[in-house]
Amino acid sequence: MKKLISEQQIREAREAGRFRLEYDGGNTLLTPQAQTVARELQVELVDISAPAGLSHGDMKRVVEKVLEQLPSSKYSRARIEEVLKEVLRQK
């Protein structure tokens, strides 16, 4: 069963003085509100299952840039992220 990271968990981490929250992206779901609150509170989300500890924000920015360059709706965001993780693992 996957673990869920919610807005409340982000707030609790920040209140405890944490500026970085590591999670296993293969076994964890981040709510959209958790991602928003993490940005607002400057808590870095790091997917430790991603090669080189790429932060959630960095992964999202790379995927967005790739999507901008591709014909619309040809590839899903999830597929691009999957390919990016695979390429980084081979590094």
N, C-alpha and C. Protein backbone atom coordinates (compact mmCIF):
# COMPACT_ATOMS: atom_id res chain seq x y z
N MET A 1 0.84 -1.17 0.00
CA MET A 1 0.00 0.00 0.00
C MET A 1 0.89 1.25 0.00
N LYS A 2 0.50 2.24 -0.79
CA LYS A 2 1.29 3.46 -0.90
C LYS A 2 1.06 4.37 0.30
N LYS A 3 2.11 5.10 0.62
CA LYS A 3 2.05 6.10 1.69
C LYS A 3 1.55 7.41 1.08
N LEU A 4 0.85 8.20 1.88
CA LEU A 4 0.31 9.48 1.43
C LEU A 4 0.99 10.61 2.19
N ILE A 5 1.46 11.61 1.47
CA ILE A 5 1.98 12.81 2.11
C ILE A 5 0.99 13.93 1.83
N SER A 6 0.45 14.48 2.91
CA SER A 6 -0.58 15.52 2.80
C SER A 6 -0.01 16.88 3.18
N GLU A 7 -0.83 17.88 2.98
CA GLU A 7 -0.49 19.25 3.37
C GLU A 7 -0.10 19.32 4.84
N GLN A 8 -0.86 18.63 5.69
CA GLN A 8 -0.61 18.66 7.13
C GLN A 8 0.79 18.13 7.46
N GLN A 9 1.22 17.07 6.79
CA GLN A 9 2.55 16.51 7.04
C GLN A 9 3.65 17.50 6.64
N ILE A 10 3.41 18.25 5.59
CA ILE A 10 4.38 19.27 5.16
C ILE A 10 4.47 20.36 6.23
N ARG A 11 3.31 20.80 6.69
CA ARG A 11 3.28 21.84 7.73
C ARG A 11 3.97 21.37 9.01
N GLU A 12 3.72 20.13 9.40
CA GLU A 12 4.35 19.57 10.60
C GLU A 12 5.86 19.48 10.44
N ALA A 13 6.32 19.08 9.27
CA ALA A 13 7.76 19.00 9.02
C ALA A 13 8.39 20.38 9.14
N ARG A 14 7.76 21.37 8.56
CA ARG A 14 8.29 22.74 8.61
C ARG A 14 8.30 23.28 10.03
N GLU A 15 7.22 23.01 10.78
CA GLU A 15 7.15 23.46 12.18
C GLU A 15 8.24 22.81 13.03
N ALA A 16 8.66 21.61 12.63
CA ALA A 16 9.72 20.91 13.33
C ALA A 16 11.11 21.38 12.87
N GLY A 17 11.12 22.38 11.97
CA GLY A 17 12.39 22.94 11.51
C GLY A 17 13.00 22.23 10.32
N ARG A 18 12.23 21.38 9.67
CA ARG A 18 12.76 20.65 8.51
C ARG A 18 12.49 21.43 7.22
N PHE A 19 13.51 21.55 6.40
CA PHE A 19 13.41 22.24 5.12
C PHE A 19 13.49 21.27 3.95
N ARG A 20 13.62 19.99 4.26
CA ARG A 20 13.76 18.95 3.23
C ARG A 20 12.99 17.73 3.70
N LEU A 21 12.18 17.19 2.80
CA LEU A 21 11.40 16.00 3.11
C LEU A 21 11.68 14.97 2.02
N GLU A 22 12.27 13.86 2.41
CA GLU A 22 12.58 12.80 1.45
C GLU A 22 11.45 11.78 1.46
N TYR A 23 11.15 11.24 0.29
CA TYR A 23 10.11 10.23 0.15
C TYR A 23 10.46 9.29 -0.99
N ASP A 24 9.88 8.12 -0.97
CA ASP A 24 10.07 7.13 -2.03
C ASP A 24 8.95 7.31 -3.03
N GLY A 25 9.26 7.92 -4.16
CA GLY A 25 8.25 8.22 -5.17
C GLY A 25 7.54 7.01 -5.72
N GLY A 26 8.16 5.86 -5.65
CA GLY A 26 7.52 4.64 -6.13
C GLY A 26 6.45 4.12 -5.18
N ASN A 27 6.52 4.54 -3.93
CA ASN A 27 5.59 4.04 -2.92
C ASN A 27 4.84 5.15 -2.20
N THR A 28 4.92 6.38 -2.70
CA THR A 28 4.32 7.51 -2.01
C THR A 28 3.51 8.37 -2.97
N LEU A 29 2.37 8.82 -2.50
CA LEU A 29 1.56 9.77 -3.25
C LEU A 29 1.63 11.12 -2.55
N LEU A 30 1.92 12.16 -3.32
CA LEU A 30 1.93 13.53 -2.80
C LEU A 30 0.65 14.20 -3.26
N THR A 31 -0.10 14.75 -2.34
CA THR A 31 -1.31 15.45 -2.77
C THR A 31 -0.89 16.76 -3.44
N PRO A 32 -1.70 17.25 -4.38
CA PRO A 32 -1.39 18.54 -5.01
C PRO A 32 -1.26 19.65 -3.96
N GLN A 33 -2.10 19.62 -2.94
CA GLN A 33 -2.04 20.65 -1.90
C GLN A 33 -0.73 20.53 -1.11
N ALA A 34 -0.24 19.32 -0.90
CA ALA A 34 1.04 19.13 -0.21
C ALA A 34 2.17 19.75 -1.03
N GLN A 35 2.12 19.58 -2.33
CA GLN A 35 3.14 20.17 -3.20
C GLN A 35 3.09 21.69 -3.15
N THR A 36 1.89 22.24 -3.16
CA THR A 36 1.72 23.69 -3.10
C THR A 36 2.25 24.24 -1.78
N VAL A 37 1.87 23.61 -0.68
CA VAL A 37 2.30 24.06 0.65
C VAL A 37 3.82 23.92 0.79
N ALA A 38 4.39 22.87 0.24
CA ALA A 38 5.84 22.68 0.30
C ALA A 38 6.54 23.85 -0.40
N ARG A 39 6.03 24.26 -1.55
CA ARG A 39 6.61 25.42 -2.26
C ARG A 39 6.47 26.68 -1.41
N GLU A 40 5.28 26.90 -0.88
CA GLU A 40 5.02 28.10 -0.08
C GLU A 40 5.89 28.17 1.17
N LEU A 41 6.10 27.03 1.81
CA LEU A 41 6.87 26.99 3.05
C LEU A 41 8.35 26.70 2.81
N GLN A 42 8.72 26.58 1.54
CA GLN A 42 10.10 26.32 1.14
C GLN A 42 10.64 25.01 1.72
N VAL A 43 9.80 23.99 1.66
CA VAL A 43 10.22 22.64 2.04
C VAL A 43 10.53 21.89 0.75
N GLU A 44 11.76 21.48 0.60
CA GLU A 44 12.18 20.77 -0.60
C GLU A 44 11.70 19.33 -0.53
N LEU A 45 11.01 18.88 -1.56
CA LEU A 45 10.54 17.49 -1.64
C LEU A 45 11.53 16.73 -2.51
N VAL A 46 12.12 15.68 -1.96
CA VAL A 46 13.15 14.93 -2.69
C VAL A 46 12.72 13.48 -2.81
N ASP A 47 12.55 13.05 -4.05
CA ASP A 47 12.19 11.66 -4.34
C ASP A 47 13.47 10.84 -4.30
N ILE A 48 13.65 10.08 -3.22
CA ILE A 48 14.89 9.31 -3.08
C ILE A 48 14.94 8.12 -4.03
N SER A 49 13.81 7.80 -4.66
CA SER A 49 13.83 6.73 -5.66
C SER A 49 14.33 7.25 -7.00
N ALA A 50 14.35 8.58 -7.15
CA ALA A 50 14.86 9.18 -8.38
C ALA A 50 16.38 9.18 -8.33
N PRO A 51 17.02 8.90 -9.42
CA PRO A 51 18.48 8.91 -9.44
C PRO A 51 19.02 10.28 -9.05
N ALA A 52 20.12 10.27 -8.37
CA ALA A 52 20.83 11.49 -7.95
C ALA A 52 20.00 12.35 -7.02
N GLY A 53 18.97 11.78 -6.38
CA GLY A 53 18.18 12.53 -5.42
C GLY A 53 17.55 13.77 -6.02
N LEU A 54 17.12 13.69 -7.25
CA LEU A 54 16.51 14.82 -7.94
C LEU A 54 15.28 15.27 -7.17
N SER A 55 15.20 16.55 -6.87
CA SER A 55 14.06 17.03 -6.10
C SER A 55 12.79 16.97 -6.94
N HIS A 56 11.67 16.91 -6.26
CA HIS A 56 10.38 16.88 -6.94
C HIS A 56 10.24 18.11 -7.84
N GLY A 57 10.64 19.25 -7.34
CA GLY A 57 10.55 20.49 -8.12
C GLY A 57 11.40 20.45 -9.37
N ASP A 58 12.64 19.93 -9.25
CA ASP A 58 13.52 19.83 -10.41
C ASP A 58 12.94 18.87 -11.45
N MET A 59 12.44 17.72 -10.97
CA MET A 59 11.85 16.75 -11.88
C MET A 59 10.67 17.38 -12.62
N LYS A 60 9.84 18.09 -11.89
CA LYS A 60 8.67 18.73 -12.49
C LYS A 60 9.08 19.76 -13.55
N ARG A 61 10.12 20.55 -13.25
CA ARG A 61 10.58 21.56 -14.21
C ARG A 61 11.13 20.91 -15.48
N VAL A 62 11.89 19.83 -15.33
CA VAL A 62 12.44 19.14 -16.49
C VAL A 62 11.31 18.57 -17.35
N VAL A 63 10.34 17.93 -16.70
CA VAL A 63 9.21 17.35 -17.42
C VAL A 63 8.44 18.45 -18.16
N GLU A 64 8.22 19.58 -17.52
CA GLU A 64 7.52 20.70 -18.17
C GLU A 64 8.26 21.18 -19.42
N LYS A 65 9.58 21.29 -19.31
CA LYS A 65 10.39 21.73 -20.46
C LYS A 65 10.30 20.73 -21.61
N VAL A 66 10.34 19.44 -21.28
CA VAL A 66 10.22 18.41 -22.31
C VAL A 66 8.85 18.50 -22.97
N LEU A 67 7.79 18.64 -22.18
CA LEU A 67 6.43 18.74 -22.72
C LEU A 67 6.27 19.94 -23.66
N GLU A 68 6.95 21.03 -23.34
CA GLU A 68 6.89 22.23 -24.18
C GLU A 68 7.44 21.96 -25.58
N GLN A 69 8.38 21.01 -25.68
CA GLN A 69 9.05 20.74 -26.94
C GLN A 69 8.38 19.65 -27.77
N LEU A 70 7.42 18.95 -27.18
CA LEU A 70 6.78 17.84 -27.88
C LEU A 70 5.41 18.23 -28.43
N PRO A 71 4.98 17.54 -29.49
CA PRO A 71 3.63 17.78 -30.00
C PRO A 71 2.62 17.50 -28.88
N SER A 72 1.63 18.35 -28.77
CA SER A 72 0.68 18.22 -27.66
C SER A 72 0.00 16.86 -27.66
N SER A 73 -0.20 16.36 -26.46
CA SER A 73 -0.90 15.11 -26.13
C SER A 73 -0.28 13.84 -26.70
N LYS A 74 0.92 13.93 -27.24
CA LYS A 74 1.54 12.73 -27.77
C LYS A 74 2.09 11.84 -26.65
N TYR A 75 2.63 12.47 -25.59
CA TYR A 75 3.20 11.73 -24.47
C TYR A 75 2.61 12.24 -23.16
N SER A 76 2.43 11.33 -22.22
CA SER A 76 1.89 11.75 -20.93
C SER A 76 3.02 12.24 -20.03
N ARG A 77 2.66 13.06 -19.09
CA ARG A 77 3.60 13.57 -18.09
C ARG A 77 4.25 12.39 -17.34
N ALA A 78 3.44 11.40 -16.99
CA ALA A 78 3.95 10.24 -16.25
C ALA A 78 4.99 9.47 -17.07
N ARG A 79 4.73 9.31 -18.36
CA ARG A 79 5.67 8.58 -19.22
C ARG A 79 7.00 9.32 -19.35
N ILE A 80 6.92 10.63 -19.49
CA ILE A 80 8.15 11.42 -19.61
C ILE A 80 8.96 11.32 -18.32
N GLU A 81 8.28 11.39 -17.18
CA GLU A 81 8.98 11.27 -15.90
C GLU A 81 9.62 9.89 -15.76
N GLU A 82 8.91 8.88 -16.19
CA GLU A 82 9.42 7.51 -16.13
C GLU A 82 10.69 7.37 -16.98
N VAL A 83 10.67 7.91 -18.18
CA VAL A 83 11.84 7.84 -19.08
C VAL A 83 13.00 8.64 -18.50
N LEU A 84 12.72 9.80 -17.95
CA LEU A 84 13.77 10.62 -17.36
C LEU A 84 14.44 9.89 -16.20
N LYS A 85 13.66 9.26 -15.35
CA LYS A 85 14.23 8.50 -14.23
C LYS A 85 15.10 7.36 -14.74
N GLU A 86 14.65 6.69 -15.78
CA GLU A 86 15.41 5.57 -16.34
C GLU A 86 16.74 6.07 -16.91
N VAL A 87 16.72 7.17 -17.62
CA VAL A 87 17.96 7.74 -18.20
C VAL A 87 18.93 8.11 -17.09
N LEU A 88 18.43 8.72 -16.03
CA LEU A 88 19.29 9.12 -14.93
C LEU A 88 19.86 7.92 -14.18
N ARG A 89 19.11 6.84 -14.11
CA ARG A 89 19.61 5.62 -13.45
C ARG A 89 20.80 5.03 -14.23
N GLN A 90 20.78 5.17 -15.54
CA GLN A 90 21.82 4.60 -16.39
C GLN A 90 23.09 5.41 -16.36
N LYS A 91 23.06 6.56 -15.79
CA LYS A 91 24.19 7.49 -15.76
C LYS A 91 25.38 6.92 -15.04
